[in-house]
Amino acid sequence: MKKKIIACLAAMSVMGVFCYSQTNMPIKTLIVTGQNNHAWEVSHAVIKQILENSRLFTVDISLSPPQGEDMSAFKPDFAAYKLVVLDYNGDRWAEETEKAFIDYLSKGGGLVFYHAANNAFREWTEYNKIAGFGGWGGRNEKDGPYIYMKDGKVVYDNSPGAGGSHGPRHEFILNCGNRDHPVTKGLPERWLHAQDELYDHMRGPGKVKDLLYWAYSSPEKNGSGRNELSIFTVDYGNARIFHTTLGHAGNTLEDNTAMQCTGFQVTLLRGAEWAATGKVTQKVPTDFPAETKISLRINYREEDRK
């Protein structure tokens, strides 16, 4: 009997170690990129650095063929990953690839929309539902309502007009729309984002689930005069979808202020972990921006990380 108890305890110990190691394994992540109207060569490299520097993610890259070339062999293995990050705005995917993407999400896959990925695939209605909203590419009222915030609520406005615009890059305040969400919990209610594009007049057929941060688009900066959604989650079946409009890529890793913003990096990391797992284990960092002062991580990591 004593031997059986010892054997049982030993087995439980091994199982405990196994469970611990499994729950603490890095999140397997795929970045989809290769075509964009932005500097994707910079942006995808920076996103990879941000994610891997946190030690919470391991990242692979799926590069599409150049614009105008045959897309039939472009078949990312979405199902092999817990998280997919879209840094893509280009030629339409092959039907097989699109079906695999939808299947991944229907099974509860985690997804991050980054910046101009919401510009992609105007003609693919399901993609636009997944994104929540999008801009440019000839979008208008036929592509869904304007989506913005008014009087503390998300508004779906069917007014006619073009979808997608922004003024010159500038610093602006991010305002929290849901302080109880795992992504925002513990972060400041208001913080100053480094110089970036502030998307406005965005429209689409999707449904916002959680409005996490919004920003006022000032007419003085050629903005809409509305409170525009900057960071949110999307209601789409079993999937967990985190959408950030922030982070316009610069020309180089060094000249890249919007992505060097600590607020951008931290919300991306927290949103990515939530999309992959449904929770956020990260502590609120001490270098997070204040309401009156930006904060930059030039090397895309916390200063005390080695």
C-alpha atoms as a PDB file:
ATOM      1  CA  MET A   1       0.000   0.000   0.000  1.00  0.00           C
ATOM      2  CA  LYS A   2       2.816   2.379   0.912  1.00  0.00           C
ATOM      3  CA  LYS A   3       4.510   1.722  -2.431  1.00  0.00           C
ATOM      4  CA  LYS A   4       1.246   2.423  -4.244  1.00  0.00           C
ATOM      5  CA  ILE A   5       0.834   5.748  -2.415  1.00  0.00           C
ATOM      6  CA  ILE A   6       4.407   6.762  -3.235  1.00  0.00           C
ATOM      7  CA  ALA A   7       3.904   5.797  -6.881  1.00  0.00           C
ATOM      8  CA  CYS A   8       0.654   7.741  -6.999  1.00  0.00           C
ATOM      9  CA  LEU A   9       2.246  10.813  -5.468  1.00  0.00           C
ATOM     10  CA  ALA A  10       5.128  10.565  -7.921  1.00  0.00           C
ATOM     11  CA  ALA A  11       2.691  10.358 -10.833  1.00  0.00           C
ATOM     12  CA  MET A  12       0.752  13.341  -9.535  1.00  0.00           C
ATOM     13  CA  SER A  13       4.009  15.273  -9.204  1.00  0.00           C
ATOM     14  CA  VAL A  14       4.944  14.516 -12.801  1.00  0.00           C
ATOM     15  CA  MET A  15       1.462  15.485 -13.969  1.00  0.00           C
ATOM     16  CA  GLY A  16       1.695  18.706 -11.977  1.00  0.00           C
ATOM     17  CA  VAL A  17       4.994  19.588 -13.582  1.00  0.00           C
ATOM     18  CA  PHE A  18       3.566  18.716 -16.998  1.00  0.00           C
ATOM     19  CA  CYS A  19       0.474  20.863 -16.458  1.00  0.00           C
ATOM     20  CA  TYR A  20       2.585  23.735 -15.192  1.00  0.00           C
ATOM     21  CA  SER A  21       4.905  23.573 -18.184  1.00  0.00           C
ATOM     22  CA  GLN A  22       1.980  23.392 -20.581  1.00  0.00           C
ATOM     23  CA  THR A  23       0.231  26.428 -19.117  1.00  0.00           C
ATOM     24  CA  ASN A  24       3.478  28.421 -19.138  1.00  0.00           C
ATOM     25  CA  MET A  25       4.509  27.601 -22.691  1.00  0.00           C
ATOM     26  CA  PRO A  26       4.844  30.604 -25.034  1.00  0.00           C
ATOM     27  CA  ILE A  27       1.834  31.303 -27.220  1.00  0.00           C
ATOM     28  CA  LYS A  28       2.429  30.041 -30.741  1.00  0.00           C
ATOM     29  CA  THR A  29       1.720  32.985 -33.039  1.00  0.00           C
ATOM     30  CA  LEU A  30       1.562  33.572 -36.792  1.00  0.00           C
ATOM     31  CA  ILE A  31       1.951  37.007 -38.405  1.00  0.00           C
ATOM     32  CA  VAL A  32       0.405  37.213 -41.870  1.00  0.00           C
ATOM     33  CA  THR A  33       2.037  39.907 -44.019  1.00  0.00           C
ATOM     34  CA  GLY A  34       3.806  40.544 -47.326  1.00  0.00           C
ATOM     35  CA  GLN A  35       1.546  43.121 -48.978  1.00  0.00           C
ATOM     36  CA  ASN A  36       0.355  46.446 -47.580  1.00  0.00           C
ATOM     37  CA  ASN A  37      -0.011  50.119 -48.424  1.00  0.00           C
ATOM     38  CA  HIS A  38       2.150  50.679 -45.336  1.00  0.00           C
ATOM     39  CA  ALA A  39       5.751  49.670 -44.600  1.00  0.00           C
ATOM     40  CA  TRP A  40       5.026  46.019 -43.839  1.00  0.00           C
ATOM     41  CA  GLU A  41       8.750  45.174 -43.942  1.00  0.00           C
ATOM     42  CA  VAL A  42       9.109  47.348 -40.834  1.00  0.00           C
ATOM     43  CA  SER A  43       5.784  46.682 -39.115  1.00  0.00           C
ATOM     44  CA  HIS A  44       5.856  42.886 -39.099  1.00  0.00           C
ATOM     45  CA  ALA A  45       9.467  42.859 -37.863  1.00  0.00           C
ATOM     46  CA  VAL A  46       8.537  45.229 -35.034  1.00  0.00           C
ATOM     47  CA  ILE A  47       5.439  43.255 -34.049  1.00  0.00           C
ATOM     48  CA  LYS A  48       7.549  40.104 -33.906  1.00  0.00           C
ATOM     49  CA  GLN A  49      10.069  41.865 -31.655  1.00  0.00           C
ATOM     50  CA  ILE A  50       7.386  43.237 -29.339  1.00  0.00           C
ATOM     51  CA  LEU A  51       5.705  39.852 -28.939  1.00  0.00           C
ATOM     52  CA  GLU A  52       8.872  37.806 -28.497  1.00  0.00           C
ATOM     53  CA  ASN A  53      10.590  40.342 -26.239  1.00  0.00           C
ATOM     54  CA  SER A  54       7.715  39.841 -23.785  1.00  0.00           C
ATOM     55  CA  ARG A  55       8.660  36.146 -23.575  1.00  0.00           C
ATOM     56  CA  LEU A  56       4.986  35.266 -23.822  1.00  0.00           C
ATOM     57  CA  PHE A  57       4.953  34.437 -27.537  1.00  0.00           C
ATOM     58  CA  THR A  58       6.889  32.564 -30.187  1.00  0.00           C
ATOM     59  CA  VAL A  59       6.313  34.007 -33.630  1.00  0.00           C
ATOM     60  CA  ASP A  60       6.387  32.674 -37.179  1.00  0.00           C
ATOM     61  CA  ILE A  61       5.913  34.777 -40.319  1.00  0.00           C
ATOM     62  CA  SER A  62       3.752  33.906 -43.320  1.00  0.00           C
ATOM     63  CA  LEU A  63       4.800  36.068 -46.289  1.00  0.00           C
ATOM     64  CA  SER A  64       2.459  36.408 -49.242  1.00  0.00           C
ATOM     65  CA  PRO A  65       3.708  36.631 -52.821  1.00  0.00           C
ATOM     66  CA  PRO A  66       4.304  40.191 -54.076  1.00  0.00           C
ATOM     67  CA  GLN A  67       1.293  42.131 -55.278  1.00  0.00           C
ATOM     68  CA  GLY A  68      -0.011  40.982 -58.641  1.00  0.00           C
ATOM     69  CA  GLU A  69       1.534  37.517 -58.490  1.00  0.00           C
ATOM     70  CA  ASP A  70      -0.180  34.135 -58.179  1.00  0.00           C
ATOM     71  CA  MET A  71      -1.791  33.732 -54.730  1.00  0.00           C
ATOM     72  CA  SER A  72      -2.943  30.123 -55.147  1.00  0.00           C
ATOM     73  CA  ALA A  73       0.007  28.655 -53.229  1.00  0.00           C
ATOM     74  CA  PHE A  74      -0.315  31.107 -50.326  1.00  0.00           C
ATOM     75  CA  LYS A  75      -1.787  28.824 -47.658  1.00  0.00           C
ATOM     76  CA  PRO A  76      -0.936  29.819 -44.072  1.00  0.00           C
ATOM     77  CA  ASP A  77      -1.558  26.978 -41.618  1.00  0.00           C
ATOM     78  CA  PHE A  78      -3.852  28.983 -39.332  1.00  0.00           C
ATOM     79  CA  ALA A  79      -4.951  25.887 -37.398  1.00  0.00           C
ATOM     80  CA  ALA A  80      -1.416  25.289 -36.111  1.00  0.00           C
ATOM     81  CA  TYR A  81      -1.471  28.506 -34.047  1.00  0.00           C
ATOM     82  CA  LYS A  82      -3.230  29.873 -30.987  1.00  0.00           C
ATOM     83  CA  LEU A  83      -2.939  33.423 -32.319  1.00  0.00           C
ATOM     84  CA  VAL A  84      -2.934  35.015 -35.758  1.00  0.00           C
ATOM     85  CA  VAL A  85      -1.852  38.650 -36.270  1.00  0.00           C
ATOM     86  CA  LEU A  86      -2.960  40.320 -39.508  1.00  0.00           C
ATOM     87  CA  ASP A  87      -0.510  42.854 -40.951  1.00  0.00           C
ATOM     88  CA  TYR A  88      -1.850  42.471 -44.477  1.00  0.00           C
ATOM     89  CA  ASN A  89      -3.602  44.696 -47.004  1.00  0.00           C
ATOM     90  CA  GLY A  90      -3.270  43.399 -50.529  1.00  0.00           C
ATOM     91  CA  ASP A  91      -4.431  40.891 -53.118  1.00  0.00           C
ATOM     92  CA  ARG A  92      -7.352  38.617 -52.317  1.00  0.00           C
ATOM     93  CA  TRP A  93      -6.478  35.209 -50.877  1.00  0.00           C
ATOM     94  CA  ALA A  94      -7.316  31.959 -52.627  1.00  0.00           C
ATOM     95  CA  GLU A  95     -10.691  30.434 -51.784  1.00  0.00           C
ATOM     96  CA  GLU A  96      -9.041  27.529 -49.934  1.00  0.00           C
ATOM     97  CA  THR A  97      -7.077  29.971 -47.758  1.00  0.00           C
ATOM     98  CA  GLU A  98     -10.161  32.033 -46.973  1.00  0.00           C
ATOM     99  CA  LYS A  99     -12.072  28.916 -45.929  1.00  0.00           C
ATOM    100  CA  ALA A 100      -9.200  27.815 -43.686  1.00  0.00           C
ATOM    101  CA  PHE A 101      -9.180  31.268 -42.051  1.00  0.00           C
ATOM    102  CA  ILE A 102     -12.924  31.169 -41.355  1.00  0.00           C
ATOM    103  CA  ASP A 103     -12.629  27.613 -40.026  1.00  0.00           C
ATOM    104  CA  TYR A 104      -9.839  28.685 -37.661  1.00  0.00           C
ATOM    105  CA  LEU A 105     -12.040  31.432 -36.229  1.00  0.00           C
ATOM    106  CA  SER A 106     -15.132  29.228 -36.005  1.00  0.00           C
ATOM    107  CA  LYS A 107     -13.157  26.895 -33.734  1.00  0.00           C
ATOM    108  CA  GLY A 108     -12.321  29.715 -31.335  1.00  0.00           C
ATOM    109  CA  GLY A 109      -9.087  31.008 -32.815  1.00  0.00           C
ATOM    110  CA  GLY A 110      -7.453  34.179 -31.529  1.00  0.00           C
ATOM    111  CA  LEU A 111      -6.963  37.076 -33.922  1.00  0.00           C
ATOM    112  CA  VAL A 112      -5.320  40.508 -33.827  1.00  0.00           C
ATOM    113  CA  PHE A 113      -6.141  43.166 -36.409  1.00  0.00           C
ATOM    114  CA  TYR A 114      -3.252  45.604 -36.673  1.00  0.00           C
ATOM    115  CA  HIS A 115      -3.687  49.082 -38.201  1.00  0.00           C
ATOM    116  CA  ALA A 116      -4.207  48.894 -42.001  1.00  0.00           C
ATOM    117  CA  ALA A 117      -5.322  45.258 -41.989  1.00  0.00           C
ATOM    118  CA  ASN A 118      -8.799  46.740 -41.632  1.00  0.00           C
ATOM    119  CA  ASN A 119      -8.307  48.370 -45.057  1.00  0.00           C
ATOM    120  CA  ALA A 120      -8.149  44.975 -46.773  1.00  0.00           C
ATOM    121  CA  PHE A 121     -10.689  43.028 -48.821  1.00  0.00           C
ATOM    122  CA  ARG A 122     -13.562  45.476 -49.212  1.00  0.00           C
ATOM    123  CA  GLU A 123     -15.404  42.965 -51.405  1.00  0.00           C
ATOM    124  CA  TRP A 124     -15.106  40.109 -48.855  1.00  0.00           C
ATOM    125  CA  THR A 125     -18.105  40.729 -46.591  1.00  0.00           C
ATOM    126  CA  GLU A 126     -17.221  38.029 -44.055  1.00  0.00           C
ATOM    127  CA  TYR A 127     -13.765  39.489 -43.554  1.00  0.00           C
ATOM    128  CA  ASN A 128     -15.278  42.892 -42.853  1.00  0.00           C
ATOM    129  CA  LYS A 129     -17.613  41.339 -40.271  1.00  0.00           C
ATOM    130  CA  ILE A 130     -14.532  39.830 -38.636  1.00  0.00           C
ATOM    131  CA  ALA A 131     -12.710  43.168 -38.670  1.00  0.00           C
ATOM    132  CA  GLY A 132     -15.715  45.052 -37.298  1.00  0.00           C
ATOM    133  CA  PHE A 133     -15.026  48.030 -39.502  1.00  0.00           C
ATOM    134  CA  GLY A 134     -12.673  49.156 -42.237  1.00  0.00           C
ATOM    135  CA  GLY A 135     -11.700  52.087 -44.374  1.00  0.00           C
ATOM    136  CA  TRP A 136     -10.575  53.277 -47.793  1.00  0.00           C
ATOM    137  CA  GLY A 137     -10.695  51.043 -50.891  1.00  0.00           C
ATOM    138  CA  GLY A 138     -13.828  52.818 -52.111  1.00  0.00           C
ATOM    139  CA  ARG A 139     -15.900  51.968 -49.044  1.00  0.00           C
ATOM    140  CA  ASN A 140     -19.240  53.734 -48.667  1.00  0.00           C
ATOM    141  CA  GLU A 141     -22.691  53.206 -47.132  1.00  0.00           C
ATOM    142  CA  LYS A 142     -23.086  49.932 -49.057  1.00  0.00           C
ATOM    143  CA  ASP A 143     -20.291  48.479 -46.930  1.00  0.00           C
ATOM    144  CA  GLY A 144     -21.980  49.087 -43.571  1.00  0.00           C
ATOM    145  CA  PRO A 145     -22.615  51.959 -41.171  1.00  0.00           C
ATOM    146  CA  TYR A 146     -20.146  54.391 -39.695  1.00  0.00           C
ATOM    147  CA  ILE A 147     -19.134  53.109 -36.262  1.00  0.00           C
ATOM    148  CA  TYR A 148     -18.099  55.603 -33.585  1.00  0.00           C
ATOM    149  CA  MET A 149     -18.885  56.586 -30.005  1.00  0.00           C
ATOM    150  CA  LYS A 150     -21.420  59.152 -28.874  1.00  0.00           C
ATOM    151  CA  ASP A 151     -22.775  59.835 -25.376  1.00  0.00           C
ATOM    152  CA  GLY A 152     -20.838  56.875 -24.015  1.00  0.00           C
ATOM    153  CA  LYS A 153     -22.304  54.357 -26.464  1.00  0.00           C
ATOM    154  CA  VAL A 154     -21.201  52.770 -29.733  1.00  0.00           C
ATOM    155  CA  VAL A 155     -23.218  54.228 -32.606  1.00  0.00           C
ATOM    156  CA  TYR A 156     -23.995  52.537 -35.937  1.00  0.00           C
ATOM    157  CA  ASP A 157     -24.708  55.394 -38.334  1.00  0.00           C
ATOM    158  CA  ASN A 158     -26.090  54.598 -41.801  1.00  0.00           C
ATOM    159  CA  SER A 159     -25.409  58.073 -43.207  1.00  0.00           C
ATOM    160  CA  PRO A 160     -23.971  58.028 -46.753  1.00  0.00           C
ATOM    161  CA  GLY A 161     -20.347  58.885 -47.361  1.00  0.00           C
ATOM    162  CA  ALA A 162     -16.846  57.544 -47.894  1.00  0.00           C
ATOM    163  CA  GLY A 163     -15.278  55.212 -45.357  1.00  0.00           C
ATOM    164  CA  GLY A 164     -11.839  55.842 -43.927  1.00  0.00           C
ATOM    165  CA  SER A 165      -9.786  58.980 -43.385  1.00  0.00           C
ATOM    166  CA  HIS A 166      -7.283  60.556 -41.012  1.00  0.00           C
ATOM    167  CA  GLY A 167      -5.509  63.846 -40.550  1.00  0.00           C
ATOM    168  CA  PRO A 168      -1.776  64.398 -40.111  1.00  0.00           C
ATOM    169  CA  ARG A 169       0.033  62.296 -37.531  1.00  0.00           C
ATOM    170  CA  HIS A 170      -0.098  63.831 -34.074  1.00  0.00           C
ATOM    171  CA  GLU A 171      -0.204  62.966 -30.367  1.00  0.00           C
ATOM    172  CA  PHE A 172      -3.670  62.292 -28.955  1.00  0.00           C
ATOM    173  CA  ILE A 173      -5.386  61.101 -25.795  1.00  0.00           C
ATOM    174  CA  LEU A 174      -6.736  57.555 -25.530  1.00  0.00           C
ATOM    175  CA  ASN A 175      -9.814  57.248 -23.292  1.00  0.00           C
ATOM    176  CA  CYS A 176     -10.831  53.959 -21.700  1.00  0.00           C
ATOM    177  CA  GLY A 177     -14.261  52.650 -22.634  1.00  0.00           C
ATOM    178  CA  ASN A 178     -14.275  49.563 -20.385  1.00  0.00           C
ATOM    179  CA  ARG A 179     -12.051  49.505 -17.305  1.00  0.00           C
ATOM    180  CA  ASP A 180     -13.107  45.982 -16.304  1.00  0.00           C
ATOM    181  CA  HIS A 181     -11.922  44.197 -19.450  1.00  0.00           C
ATOM    182  CA  PRO A 182      -8.779  42.045 -18.982  1.00  0.00           C
ATOM    183  CA  VAL A 183      -6.910  44.112 -21.581  1.00  0.00           C
ATOM    184  CA  THR A 184      -7.549  47.469 -19.899  1.00  0.00           C
ATOM    185  CA  LYS A 185      -7.782  46.467 -16.243  1.00  0.00           C
ATOM    186  CA  GLY A 186      -5.292  48.476 -14.204  1.00  0.00           C
ATOM    187  CA  LEU A 187      -4.262  50.717 -17.096  1.00  0.00           C
ATOM    188  CA  PRO A 188      -4.871  54.478 -16.871  1.00  0.00           C
ATOM    189  CA  GLU A 189      -8.281  55.787 -17.813  1.00  0.00           C
ATOM    190  CA  ARG A 190      -6.596  58.389 -20.041  1.00  0.00           C
ATOM    191  CA  TRP A 191      -3.134  58.290 -21.602  1.00  0.00           C
ATOM    192  CA  LEU A 192      -1.214  60.204 -24.235  1.00  0.00           C
ATOM    193  CA  HIS A 193      -0.322  58.255 -27.356  1.00  0.00           C
ATOM    194  CA  ALA A 194       2.789  59.200 -29.353  1.00  0.00           C
ATOM    195  CA  GLN A 195       2.500  60.741 -32.801  1.00  0.00           C
ATOM    196  CA  ASP A 196       0.295  58.523 -34.963  1.00  0.00           C
ATOM    197  CA  GLU A 197      -2.568  58.419 -37.431  1.00  0.00           C
ATOM    198  CA  LEU A 198      -6.010  58.741 -35.850  1.00  0.00           C
ATOM    199  CA  TYR A 199      -8.423  56.771 -38.038  1.00  0.00           C
ATOM    200  CA  ASP A 200     -11.904  58.270 -38.499  1.00  0.00           C
ATOM    201  CA  HIS A 201     -15.020  57.747 -40.628  1.00  0.00           C
ATOM    202  CA  MET A 202     -14.561  53.977 -40.363  1.00  0.00           C
ATOM    203  CA  ARG A 203     -17.507  51.848 -41.412  1.00  0.00           C
ATOM    204  CA  GLY A 204     -18.408  48.198 -41.797  1.00  0.00           C
ATOM    205  CA  PRO A 205     -20.878  45.355 -41.182  1.00  0.00           C
ATOM    206  CA  GLY A 206     -19.365  44.036 -37.941  1.00  0.00           C
ATOM    207  CA  LYS A 207     -20.423  44.342 -34.323  1.00  0.00           C
ATOM    208  CA  VAL A 208     -18.260  45.786 -31.580  1.00  0.00           C
ATOM    209  CA  LYS A 209     -18.178  43.636 -28.463  1.00  0.00           C
ATOM    210  CA  ASP A 210     -16.004  45.675 -26.085  1.00  0.00           C
ATOM    211  CA  LEU A 211     -14.966  49.276 -26.705  1.00  0.00           C
ATOM    212  CA  LEU A 212     -11.583  49.423 -24.978  1.00  0.00           C
ATOM    213  CA  TYR A 213     -10.174  52.818 -26.021  1.00  0.00           C
ATOM    214  CA  TRP A 214     -11.465  55.725 -28.064  1.00  0.00           C
ATOM    215  CA  ALA A 215     -10.003  59.065 -29.131  1.00  0.00           C
ATOM    216  CA  TYR A 216     -11.480  62.414 -30.093  1.00  0.00           C
ATOM    217  CA  SER A 217     -10.808  63.190 -33.745  1.00  0.00           C
ATOM    218  CA  SER A 218     -10.339  66.941 -33.698  1.00  0.00           C
ATOM    219  CA  PRO A 219     -11.407  69.079 -36.692  1.00  0.00           C
ATOM    220  CA  GLU A 220      -8.298  71.142 -35.975  1.00  0.00           C
ATOM    221  CA  LYS A 221      -6.344  68.074 -37.132  1.00  0.00           C
ATOM    222  CA  ASN A 222      -8.652  67.509 -40.132  1.00  0.00           C
ATOM    223  CA  GLY A 223     -10.582  64.954 -38.087  1.00  0.00           C
ATOM    224  CA  SER A 224     -14.242  63.996 -37.915  1.00  0.00           C
ATOM    225  CA  GLY A 225     -15.194  65.897 -34.763  1.00  0.00           C
ATOM    226  CA  ARG A 226     -16.337  62.550 -33.345  1.00  0.00           C
ATOM    227  CA  ASN A 227     -15.141  60.123 -30.701  1.00  0.00           C
ATOM    228  CA  GLU A 228     -13.565  57.420 -32.843  1.00  0.00           C
ATOM    229  CA  LEU A 229     -12.903  53.798 -31.878  1.00  0.00           C
ATOM    230  CA  SER A 230      -9.180  53.118 -31.566  1.00  0.00           C
ATOM    231  CA  ILE A 231      -9.006  49.747 -29.755  1.00  0.00           C
ATOM    232  CA  PHE A 232     -11.876  47.275 -29.418  1.00  0.00           C
ATOM    233  CA  THR A 233     -12.935  43.651 -29.621  1.00  0.00           C
ATOM    234  CA  VAL A 234     -15.303  42.195 -32.203  1.00  0.00           C
ATOM    235  CA  ASP A 235     -18.355  39.997 -31.667  1.00  0.00           C
ATOM    236  CA  TYR A 236     -17.864  37.121 -34.123  1.00  0.00           C
ATOM    237  CA  GLY A 237     -18.983  33.651 -33.062  1.00  0.00           C
ATOM    238  CA  ASN A 238     -16.474  31.697 -30.968  1.00  0.00           C
ATOM    239  CA  ALA A 239     -13.454  33.757 -31.998  1.00  0.00           C
ATOM    240  CA  ARG A 240     -11.638  36.245 -29.778  1.00  0.00           C
ATOM    241  CA  ILE A 241     -10.767  39.251 -31.929  1.00  0.00           C
ATOM    242  CA  PHE A 242      -8.683  42.208 -30.782  1.00  0.00           C
ATOM    243  CA  HIS A 243      -8.553  45.212 -33.112  1.00  0.00           C
ATOM    244  CA  THR A 244      -6.117  48.121 -32.815  1.00  0.00           C
ATOM    245  CA  THR A 245      -6.083  50.968 -35.321  1.00  0.00           C
ATOM    246  CA  LEU A 246      -2.880  52.331 -33.769  1.00  0.00           C
ATOM    247  CA  GLY A 247       0.750  51.880 -34.780  1.00  0.00           C
ATOM    248  CA  HIS A 248       1.446  53.447 -38.171  1.00  0.00           C
ATOM    249  CA  ALA A 249       4.851  52.068 -39.196  1.00  0.00           C
ATOM    250  CA  GLY A 250       7.771  54.373 -39.920  1.00  0.00           C
ATOM    251  CA  ASN A 251      10.399  53.884 -42.594  1.00  0.00           C
ATOM    252  CA  THR A 252      12.841  52.074 -40.314  1.00  0.00           C
ATOM    253  CA  LEU A 253      12.876  50.309 -36.952  1.00  0.00           C
ATOM    254  CA  GLU A 254      14.602  53.361 -35.481  1.00  0.00           C
ATOM    255  CA  ASP A 255      12.339  56.021 -37.059  1.00  0.00           C
ATOM    256  CA  ASN A 256       9.073  54.510 -35.888  1.00  0.00           C
ATOM    257  CA  THR A 257       7.488  56.657 -33.172  1.00  0.00           C
ATOM    258  CA  ALA A 258       3.925  55.301 -33.250  1.00  0.00           C
ATOM    259  CA  MET A 259       5.084  51.700 -32.756  1.00  0.00           C
ATOM    260  CA  GLN A 260       7.707  52.740 -30.199  1.00  0.00           C
ATOM    261  CA  CYS A 261       4.938  54.167 -27.997  1.00  0.00           C
ATOM    262  CA  THR A 262       4.809  52.146 -24.788  1.00  0.00           C
ATOM    263  CA  GLY A 263       1.019  52.432 -24.789  1.00  0.00           C
ATOM    264  CA  PHE A 264       0.803  50.879 -28.244  1.00  0.00           C
ATOM    265  CA  GLN A 265       3.145  48.045 -27.290  1.00  0.00           C
ATOM    266  CA  VAL A 266       1.478  47.249 -23.973  1.00  0.00           C
ATOM    267  CA  THR A 267      -2.075  47.270 -25.363  1.00  0.00           C
ATOM    268  CA  LEU A 268      -0.916  45.110 -28.279  1.00  0.00           C
ATOM    269  CA  LEU A 269       0.687  42.609 -25.892  1.00  0.00           C
ATOM    270  CA  ARG A 270      -2.316  42.499 -23.589  1.00  0.00           C
ATOM    271  CA  GLY A 271      -4.736  42.271 -26.499  1.00  0.00           C
ATOM    272  CA  ALA A 272      -2.726  39.489 -28.090  1.00  0.00           C
ATOM    273  CA  GLU A 273      -2.631  37.445 -24.874  1.00  0.00           C
ATOM    274  CA  TRP A 274      -6.360  37.944 -24.366  1.00  0.00           C
ATOM    275  CA  ALA A 275      -7.152  36.936 -27.956  1.00  0.00           C
ATOM    276  CA  ALA A 276      -5.097  33.760 -27.566  1.00  0.00           C
ATOM    277  CA  THR A 277      -6.176  32.717 -24.053  1.00  0.00           C
ATOM    278  CA  GLY A 278      -9.124  34.799 -22.866  1.00  0.00           C
ATOM    279  CA  LYS A 279      -7.115  36.313 -20.024  1.00  0.00           C
ATOM    280  CA  VAL A 280      -4.237  38.688 -19.348  1.00  0.00           C
ATOM    281  CA  THR A 281      -1.466  37.712 -16.934  1.00  0.00           C
ATOM    282  CA  GLN A 282       0.771  40.740 -17.552  1.00  0.00           C
ATOM    283  CA  LYS A 283       1.402  43.295 -14.838  1.00  0.00           C
ATOM    284  CA  VAL A 284       0.808  46.979 -15.508  1.00  0.00           C
ATOM    285  CA  PRO A 285       4.272  48.371 -16.327  1.00  0.00           C
ATOM    286  CA  THR A 286       5.689  51.387 -14.552  1.00  0.00           C
ATOM    287  CA  ASP A 287       6.635  53.064 -17.846  1.00  0.00           C
ATOM    288  CA  PHE A 288       3.076  53.247 -19.191  1.00  0.00           C
ATOM    289  CA  PRO A 289       2.223  56.720 -20.588  1.00  0.00           C
ATOM    290  CA  ALA A 290       0.545  59.373 -18.453  1.00  0.00           C
ATOM    291  CA  GLU A 291      -2.242  61.671 -19.560  1.00  0.00           C
ATOM    292  CA  THR A 292       0.205  64.506 -20.203  1.00  0.00           C
ATOM    293  CA  LYS A 293       3.367  62.654 -21.221  1.00  0.00           C
ATOM    294  CA  ILE A 294       4.180  60.045 -23.828  1.00  0.00           C
ATOM    295  CA  SER A 295       6.446  57.074 -23.118  1.00  0.00           C
ATOM    296  CA  LEU A 296       8.636  55.336 -25.696  1.00  0.00           C
ATOM    297  CA  ARG A 297      10.279  51.920 -25.771  1.00  0.00           C
ATOM    298  CA  ILE A 298      12.876  52.532 -28.459  1.00  0.00           C
ATOM    299  CA  ASN A 299      14.045  48.904 -28.474  1.00  0.00           C
ATOM    300  CA  TYR A 300      10.515  47.451 -28.235  1.00  0.00           C
ATOM    301  CA  ARG A 301      10.924  46.015 -24.742  1.00  0.00           C
ATOM    302  CA  GLU A 302      10.871  47.024 -21.124  1.00  0.00           C
ATOM    303  CA  GLU A 303      14.205  48.555 -20.160  1.00  0.00           C
ATOM    304  CA  ASP A 304      14.899  45.970 -17.477  1.00  0.00           C
ATOM    305  CA  ARG A 305      14.405  43.024 -19.821  1.00  0.00           C
ATOM    306  CA  LYS A 306      17.535  41.297 -21.075  1.00  0.00           C
END
